[in-house]
Amino acid sequence: MNASTAASIRVVYFGTPAYAVPALEMLTRDPRVDVALVVTQPDRPAGRGRKLTAPPVKLHADAAQIAVYQPERLRSEGDRAPIVAAQADLFVVAAFGKIFGPKLLAIPRLGSVNLHASLLPAYRGASPISAAILQGEPETGVTLMRMDTGLDTGPILSARSIPIGPDDTTVTLTSTLAELGAALLSDSLNDLATGSLVPTAQDDSRASLTRPMVKADGWIDWRRPAAEIERQVRAMWDWPRAWTTLDGNPVQIHKARVDDATHDVPPGTVVDTRTTAKVATGSGWLILNTVQNAGGKPVDGSSWAMQSGAGDMVLGEKNAPAAPALPFIRPGAG
């Protein structure tokens, strides 16, 4: 948004991944707003070639000709100087990736708000969308909160909820929540400018905390019920992906569905019916829709079983990863 636009709110926007792009797009189009600066994480190596890659938010800011600042940290006065120079009325944050200290929070006249992708106080932290799918929540949403120095602990200004569909993955739900968050922010701008949104303290006794995902979170424990494993497949898409091993070699499960039929087969055993490949679990069967061997292409479950000779073999017997030091979801105030 250029300097000549009549704007009532001067914003510094903090965000990094694709989830943060729709809200930034909305702000750059809104005549009530002047986006003075975008702050995002530094470019990082990504992909198989580990090529240095710009965050999605930076790509949008560059296309919109908005100044971009990519600090490694925001601890010193020098680190914060470009942000102070932007003279913002309001900081808007969406999945930026750093906790704000009191000196940073004290800069904007109207304070700092965060678009968090859960119905707080549930699923604070780094991975709220995957956590909601994994736990089988019937709904999730976006919370607009006033920021404090804790991890998603600030008072709630407003929120919107949506149902979680039976086929939702972290990818699809992230896209939906990103648009929902942009709409919530747009509808809240006038009230943010006037200070008329009434903050409501979070109930810390109901809080849960999520950490960043690691590859081991995708490891399938076939002793668990099929319904839980199917949610794991969706929650881990598209990273780190749900995975197991066949004779010690990695196998990714991209899509699956549940068959509740009872059985007395050891968990992890693959049964190939020539039209369907299914795996025995602690309760029911997991029907394999799409599977991928390491170095191979995704194929349907039955083709994979025939090509791999997996019928009547047991998955996950070798090369299980070490369990993460912390649970993916845990009670806590943040």
Foldseek 3Di string as FASTA:
>chain_A
DDPPQDAQFEEEEAAFAPLQALLVVLQLPDSNYHDQEYEAAAFWQDDPVRDGGGTPNVVVCVVSVHHYDHDPDCDDPVSCVVVLVSQGQEYEYEHRPDFDDPVNQPRHVLGYKYWYWFDPLEAFEDQRLLVCLLVVPQKTWIWIFGHDRDGPQGFTQDIDMDGDDPQAASVVSSVVRSNRSSVVCVVCVVCSSVVVRDTHGGDLVPHKYFYDDDLLLQEDDQQDAQVSNQSSQRSCPPPPARWWDFVAFIKGQNHKDWDQDADDDPFQAWAAPLVWIWTHGNGGIITGQWMATVVGDIDGPNVCCVVVVRHRGGIHPDDRDDDDPDDRMGRGSD
